[in-house]
C-alpha atoms as a PDB file:
ATOM      1  CA  UNK A   1       0.000   0.000   0.000  1.00  0.00           C
ATOM      2  CA  UNK A   2       2.807   2.405   0.896  1.00  0.00           C
ATOM      3  CA  UNK A   3       4.580   1.649  -2.381  1.00  0.00           C
ATOM      4  CA  UNK A   4       1.389   2.322  -4.323  1.00  0.00           C
ATOM      5  CA  UNK A   5       0.924   5.655  -2.569  1.00  0.00           C
ATOM      6  CA  UNK A   6       4.477   6.782  -3.272  1.00  0.00           C
ATOM      7  CA  UNK A   7       4.155   5.558  -6.826  1.00  0.00           C
ATOM      8  CA  UNK A   8       0.947   7.498  -7.423  1.00  0.00           C
ATOM      9  CA  UNK A   9       2.497  10.693  -6.111  1.00  0.00           C
ATOM     10  CA  UNK A  10       5.579  10.274  -8.288  1.00  0.00           C
ATOM     11  CA  UNK A  11       3.330   9.844 -11.305  1.00  0.00           C
ATOM     12  CA  UNK A  12       1.185  12.831 -10.347  1.00  0.00           C
ATOM     13  CA  UNK A  13       4.286  14.995 -10.143  1.00  0.00           C
ATOM     14  CA  UNK A  14       5.286  13.766 -13.589  1.00  0.00           C
ATOM     15  CA  UNK A  15       1.756  14.338 -14.885  1.00  0.00           C
ATOM     16  CA  UNK A  16       1.726  17.915 -13.647  1.00  0.00           C
ATOM     17  CA  UNK A  17       5.141  18.711 -15.115  1.00  0.00           C
ATOM     18  CA  UNK A  18       5.315  16.671 -18.341  1.00  0.00           C
ATOM     19  CA  UNK A  19       3.958  17.556 -21.739  1.00  0.00           C
ATOM     20  CA  UNK A  20       3.913  14.242 -23.577  1.00  0.00           C
ATOM     21  CA  UNK A  21       3.633  14.395 -27.357  1.00  0.00           C
ATOM     22  CA  UNK A  22       2.548  10.813 -27.939  1.00  0.00           C
ATOM     23  CA  UNK A  23      -0.963  10.536 -26.465  1.00  0.00           C
ATOM     24  CA  UNK A  24      -0.949   6.746 -26.221  1.00  0.00           C
ATOM     25  CA  UNK A  25       2.446   6.681 -24.532  1.00  0.00           C
ATOM     26  CA  UNK A  26       1.345   9.472 -22.181  1.00  0.00           C
ATOM     27  CA  UNK A  27      -1.788   7.553 -21.231  1.00  0.00           C
ATOM     28  CA  UNK A  28      -0.005   4.220 -20.818  1.00  0.00           C
ATOM     29  CA  UNK A  29       2.995   5.639 -18.912  1.00  0.00           C
ATOM     30  CA  UNK A  30       1.245   8.104 -16.619  1.00  0.00           C
ATOM     31  CA  UNK A  31      -2.525   7.886 -16.524  1.00  0.00           C
ATOM     32  CA  UNK A  32      -3.076   4.117 -16.454  1.00  0.00           C
ATOM     33  CA  UNK A  33      -0.499   3.349 -13.719  1.00  0.00           C
ATOM     34  CA  UNK A  34      -1.701   6.289 -11.624  1.00  0.00           C
ATOM     35  CA  UNK A  35      -5.289   5.114 -11.937  1.00  0.00           C
ATOM     36  CA  UNK A  36      -4.331   1.600 -10.829  1.00  0.00           C
ATOM     37  CA  UNK A  37      -2.429   2.946  -7.816  1.00  0.00           C
ATOM     38  CA  UNK A  38      -5.316   5.259  -6.918  1.00  0.00           C
ATOM     39  CA  UNK A  39      -7.696   2.303  -7.023  1.00  0.00           C
ATOM     40  CA  UNK A  40      -5.522   0.487  -4.476  1.00  0.00           C
ATOM     41  CA  UNK A  41      -5.385   3.564  -2.259  1.00  0.00           C
ATOM     42  CA  UNK A  42      -9.129   4.279  -2.361  1.00  0.00           C
ATOM     43  CA  UNK A  43      -9.898   0.679  -1.380  1.00  0.00           C
ATOM     44  CA  UNK A  44      -7.576   1.028   1.594  1.00  0.00           C
ATOM     45  CA  UNK A  45      -9.046   4.397   2.641  1.00  0.00           C
ATOM     46  CA  UNK A  46     -12.588   3.080   2.449  1.00  0.00           C
ATOM     47  CA  UNK A  47     -11.681   0.100   4.611  1.00  0.00           C
ATOM     48  CA  UNK A  48      -9.902   2.394   7.080  1.00  0.00           C
ATOM     49  CA  UNK A  49     -12.905   4.678   7.439  1.00  0.00           C
ATOM     50  CA  UNK A  50     -15.315   1.764   7.653  1.00  0.00           C
ATOM     51  CA  UNK A  51     -13.266   0.267  10.480  1.00  0.00           C
ATOM     52  CA  UNK A  52     -12.917   3.659  12.199  1.00  0.00           C
ATOM     53  CA  UNK A  53     -16.664   4.247  12.105  1.00  0.00           C
ATOM     54  CA  UNK A  54     -17.280   0.804  13.605  1.00  0.00           C
ATOM     55  CA  UNK A  55     -14.740   1.508  16.338  1.00  0.00           C
ATOM     56  CA  UNK A  56     -16.382   4.834  17.092  1.00  0.00           C
ATOM     57  CA  UNK A  57     -19.771   3.130  17.421  1.00  0.00           C
ATOM     58  CA  UNK A  58     -18.594   0.679  20.085  1.00  0.00           C
ATOM     59  CA  UNK A  59     -15.315   1.826  21.683  1.00  0.00           C
ATOM     60  CA  UNK A  60     -15.295   3.973  24.800  1.00  0.00           C
ATOM     61  CA  UNK A  61     -11.588   4.711  25.266  1.00  0.00           C
ATOM     62  CA  UNK A  62     -10.546   7.720  23.171  1.00  0.00           C
ATOM     63  CA  UNK A  63      -6.867   6.915  23.724  1.00  0.00           C
ATOM     64  CA  UNK A  64      -7.296   3.441  22.184  1.00  0.00           C
ATOM     65  CA  UNK A  65      -8.889   4.941  19.061  1.00  0.00           C
ATOM     66  CA  UNK A  66      -6.122   7.572  18.827  1.00  0.00           C
ATOM     67  CA  UNK A  67      -3.477   4.846  19.201  1.00  0.00           C
ATOM     68  CA  UNK A  68      -5.083   2.811  16.421  1.00  0.00           C
ATOM     69  CA  UNK A  69      -5.161   5.848  14.094  1.00  0.00           C
ATOM     70  CA  UNK A  70      -1.588   6.812  14.926  1.00  0.00           C
ATOM     71  CA  UNK A  71      -0.395   3.285  14.153  1.00  0.00           C
ATOM     72  CA  UNK A  72      -2.037   3.518  10.753  1.00  0.00           C
ATOM     73  CA  UNK A  73      -0.609   6.988  10.114  1.00  0.00           C
ATOM     74  CA  UNK A  74       2.972   5.690  10.176  1.00  0.00           C
ATOM     75  CA  UNK A  75       2.263   3.682   7.028  1.00  0.00           C
ATOM     76  CA  UNK A  76       1.536   6.908   5.180  1.00  0.00           C
ATOM     77  CA  UNK A  77       4.170   9.296   6.565  1.00  0.00           C
ATOM     78  CA  UNK A  78       6.259   9.425   3.345  1.00  0.00           C
ATOM     79  CA  UNK A  79       3.128   9.930   1.266  1.00  0.00           C
ATOM     80  CA  UNK A  80       1.881  12.787   3.457  1.00  0.00           C
ATOM     81  CA  UNK A  81       5.239  14.497   3.223  1.00  0.00           C
ATOM     82  CA  UNK A  82       5.269  14.252  -0.581  1.00  0.00           C
ATOM     83  CA  UNK A  83       1.673  15.430  -0.883  1.00  0.00           C
ATOM     84  CA  UNK A  84       2.352  18.440   1.338  1.00  0.00           C
ATOM     85  CA  UNK A  85       5.282  19.357  -0.873  1.00  0.00           C
ATOM     86  CA  UNK A  86       3.228  18.869  -4.025  1.00  0.00           C
ATOM     87  CA  UNK A  87       0.285  20.877  -2.712  1.00  0.00           C
ATOM     88  CA  UNK A  88       2.524  23.836  -1.981  1.00  0.00           C
ATOM     89  CA  UNK A  89       3.769  23.895  -5.564  1.00  0.00           C
ATOM     90  CA  UNK A  90       2.573  27.054  -7.244  1.00  0.00           C
ATOM     91  CA  UNK A  91       1.921  25.273 -10.556  1.00  0.00           C
ATOM     92  CA  UNK A  92      -0.962  23.191  -9.165  1.00  0.00           C
ATOM     93  CA  UNK A  93      -4.349  24.871  -9.322  1.00  0.00           C
ATOM     94  CA  UNK A  94      -7.570  22.879  -8.754  1.00  0.00           C
ATOM     95  CA  UNK A  95      -9.558  25.272 -10.948  1.00  0.00           C
ATOM     96  CA  UNK A  96      -7.464  24.521 -14.043  1.00  0.00           C
ATOM     97  CA  UNK A  97      -6.610  20.884 -13.348  1.00  0.00           C
ATOM     98  CA  UNK A  98      -8.253  18.089 -15.259  1.00  0.00           C
ATOM     99  CA  UNK A  99     -11.038  16.150 -13.557  1.00  0.00           C
ATOM    100  CA  UNK A 100      -8.590  13.271 -13.148  1.00  0.00           C
ATOM    101  CA  UNK A 101      -5.931  15.430 -11.462  1.00  0.00           C
ATOM    102  CA  UNK A 102      -8.505  17.133  -9.250  1.00  0.00           C
ATOM    103  CA  UNK A 103      -9.857  13.730  -8.183  1.00  0.00           C
ATOM    104  CA  UNK A 104      -6.388  12.348  -7.435  1.00  0.00           C
ATOM    105  CA  UNK A 105      -5.542  15.362  -5.295  1.00  0.00           C
ATOM    106  CA  UNK A 106      -8.924  15.222  -3.537  1.00  0.00           C
ATOM    107  CA  UNK A 107      -8.465  11.530  -2.869  1.00  0.00           C
ATOM    108  CA  UNK A 108      -5.045  12.076  -1.364  1.00  0.00           C
ATOM    109  CA  UNK A 109      -6.007  15.183   0.632  1.00  0.00           C
ATOM    110  CA  UNK A 110      -9.246  13.641   1.871  1.00  0.00           C
ATOM    111  CA  UNK A 111      -7.515  10.471   2.919  1.00  0.00           C
ATOM    112  CA  UNK A 112      -4.647  12.304   4.488  1.00  0.00           C
ATOM    113  CA  UNK A 113      -6.977  14.454   6.498  1.00  0.00           C
ATOM    114  CA  UNK A 114      -8.122  11.273   8.212  1.00  0.00           C
ATOM    115  CA  UNK A 115      -4.746  10.982   9.858  1.00  0.00           C
ATOM    116  CA  UNK A 116      -3.873  14.632  10.461  1.00  0.00           C
ATOM    117  CA  UNK A 117      -4.658  17.080  13.203  1.00  0.00           C
ATOM    118  CA  UNK A 118      -6.516  20.243  12.313  1.00  0.00           C
ATOM    119  CA  UNK A 119      -9.077  20.883   9.614  1.00  0.00           C
ATOM    120  CA  UNK A 120      -9.649  18.826   6.486  1.00  0.00           C
ATOM    121  CA  UNK A 121      -9.448  21.409   3.729  1.00  0.00           C
ATOM    122  CA  UNK A 122     -11.064  19.622   0.809  1.00  0.00           C
ATOM    123  CA  UNK A 123     -13.812  22.138   0.170  1.00  0.00           C
ATOM    124  CA  UNK A 124     -14.189  21.100  -3.466  1.00  0.00           C
ATOM    125  CA  UNK A 125     -15.627  17.850  -2.084  1.00  0.00           C
ATOM    126  CA  UNK A 126     -17.564  19.337   0.827  1.00  0.00           C
ATOM    127  CA  UNK A 127     -15.139  18.815   3.723  1.00  0.00           C
ATOM    128  CA  UNK A 128     -13.768  21.775   5.630  1.00  0.00           C
ATOM    129  CA  UNK A 129     -14.197  20.682   9.228  1.00  0.00           C
ATOM    130  CA  UNK A 130     -12.080  19.183  12.010  1.00  0.00           C
ATOM    131  CA  UNK A 131     -10.611  15.781  11.319  1.00  0.00           C
ATOM    132  CA  UNK A 132     -11.715  12.915  13.522  1.00  0.00           C
ATOM    133  CA  UNK A 133      -8.208  12.664  14.982  1.00  0.00           C
ATOM    134  CA  UNK A 134      -8.187  16.365  15.867  1.00  0.00           C
ATOM    135  CA  UNK A 135     -11.520  15.994  17.664  1.00  0.00           C
ATOM    136  CA  UNK A 136     -10.261  12.932  19.537  1.00  0.00           C
ATOM    137  CA  UNK A 137      -7.113  14.775  20.674  1.00  0.00           C
ATOM    138  CA  UNK A 138      -9.337  17.454  22.216  1.00  0.00           C
ATOM    139  CA  UNK A 139     -11.429  14.875  24.084  1.00  0.00           C
ATOM    140  CA  UNK A 140      -8.885  12.513  25.651  1.00  0.00           C
ATOM    141  CA  UNK A 141     -10.316  12.937  29.128  1.00  0.00           C
ATOM    142  CA  UNK A 142     -13.820  11.846  28.088  1.00  0.00           C
ATOM    143  CA  UNK A 143     -15.243   8.559  26.850  1.00  0.00           C
ATOM    144  CA  UNK A 144     -15.987   8.244  23.134  1.00  0.00           C
ATOM    145  CA  UNK A 145     -19.703   8.137  23.942  1.00  0.00           C
ATOM    146  CA  UNK A 146     -19.595  11.768  25.107  1.00  0.00           C
ATOM    147  CA  UNK A 147     -18.966  12.942  21.496  1.00  0.00           C
ATOM    148  CA  UNK A 148     -19.761   9.758  19.595  1.00  0.00           C
ATOM    149  CA  UNK A 149     -22.224  11.381  17.162  1.00  0.00           C
ATOM    150  CA  UNK A 150     -19.787  14.201  16.269  1.00  0.00           C
ATOM    151  CA  UNK A 151     -16.924  11.736  15.700  1.00  0.00           C
ATOM    152  CA  UNK A 152     -19.061   9.491  13.522  1.00  0.00           C
ATOM    153  CA  UNK A 153     -20.487  12.474  11.623  1.00  0.00           C
ATOM    154  CA  UNK A 154     -17.001  13.765  10.760  1.00  0.00           C
ATOM    155  CA  UNK A 155     -15.740  10.293   9.827  1.00  0.00           C
ATOM    156  CA  UNK A 156     -18.714   9.861   7.486  1.00  0.00           C
ATOM    157  CA  UNK A 157     -18.078  13.295   5.930  1.00  0.00           C
ATOM    158  CA  UNK A 158     -14.438  12.455   5.304  1.00  0.00           C
ATOM    159  CA  UNK A 159     -15.419   9.109   3.801  1.00  0.00           C
ATOM    160  CA  UNK A 160     -17.931  10.873   1.531  1.00  0.00           C
ATOM    161  CA  UNK A 161     -15.187  13.296   0.456  1.00  0.00           C
ATOM    162  CA  UNK A 162     -12.975  10.372  -0.580  1.00  0.00           C
ATOM    163  CA  UNK A 163     -15.843   8.737  -2.464  1.00  0.00           C
ATOM    164  CA  UNK A 164     -16.604  11.971  -4.361  1.00  0.00           C
ATOM    165  CA  UNK A 165     -12.938  12.431  -5.234  1.00  0.00           C
ATOM    166  CA  UNK A 166     -12.840   8.835  -6.481  1.00  0.00           C
ATOM    167  CA  UNK A 167     -15.840   9.544  -8.714  1.00  0.00           C
ATOM    168  CA  UNK A 168     -13.808  12.373 -10.288  1.00  0.00           C
ATOM    169  CA  UNK A 169     -10.801  10.070 -10.719  1.00  0.00           C
ATOM    170  CA  UNK A 170     -12.952   7.514 -12.547  1.00  0.00           C
ATOM    171  CA  UNK A 171     -14.725  10.162 -14.651  1.00  0.00           C
ATOM    172  CA  UNK A 172     -11.441  11.885 -15.503  1.00  0.00           C
ATOM    173  CA  UNK A 173      -9.811   8.558 -16.332  1.00  0.00           C
ATOM    174  CA  UNK A 174     -12.604   7.741 -18.787  1.00  0.00           C
ATOM    175  CA  UNK A 175     -12.353  11.215 -20.361  1.00  0.00           C
ATOM    176  CA  UNK A 176      -8.588  10.944 -20.735  1.00  0.00           C
ATOM    177  CA  UNK A 177      -8.817   7.440 -22.147  1.00  0.00           C
ATOM    178  CA  UNK A 178     -11.298   8.637 -24.741  1.00  0.00           C
ATOM    179  CA  UNK A 179      -9.234  11.711 -25.560  1.00  0.00           C
ATOM    180  CA  UNK A 180      -5.802  10.049 -25.663  1.00  0.00           C
ATOM    181  CA  UNK A 181      -6.616   6.638 -27.148  1.00  0.00           C
ATOM    182  CA  UNK A 182      -9.464   7.339 -29.561  1.00  0.00           C
ATOM    183  CA  UNK A 183      -8.578   7.369 -33.250  1.00  0.00           C
ATOM    184  CA  UNK A 184      -8.288  10.898 -34.538  1.00  0.00           C
END
């Protein structure tokens, strides 16, 4: 999973900075592998959120939930670092990016926000609230049940954000496939 995440980010960097003349080669070398890696990542994120939501429904110890999340976050540390660097690049602009690029970035940002403190800033997919982890950090002296509904609500919103970003990845992939591989 970690290799797929690093691989997808490397390809996204190449996608954002490369102007490929041969459309078929461009699609086969950048788009197709990135799509396959993104599919692996979205499956993992969906399973992570599904498990988190189940934990939030039954667990009482906030520290145990935080520990579980923090264990999972170590798997993605290199990916988060690369994404942060990529997102600060001045040449990336969601408004002018293709649907595919926008979806990839939304997928990565939405998934990353699951394991970060602070706010999830993925407004293009409807998430601009505290992450579940951030809320948990603020409530370590209370049982989960004290804020259970808020935790579950935010986890569901983050999951929905990832699902919407994935829809853009799939839509953008189909558009690019049509554009790059169709006979002219």
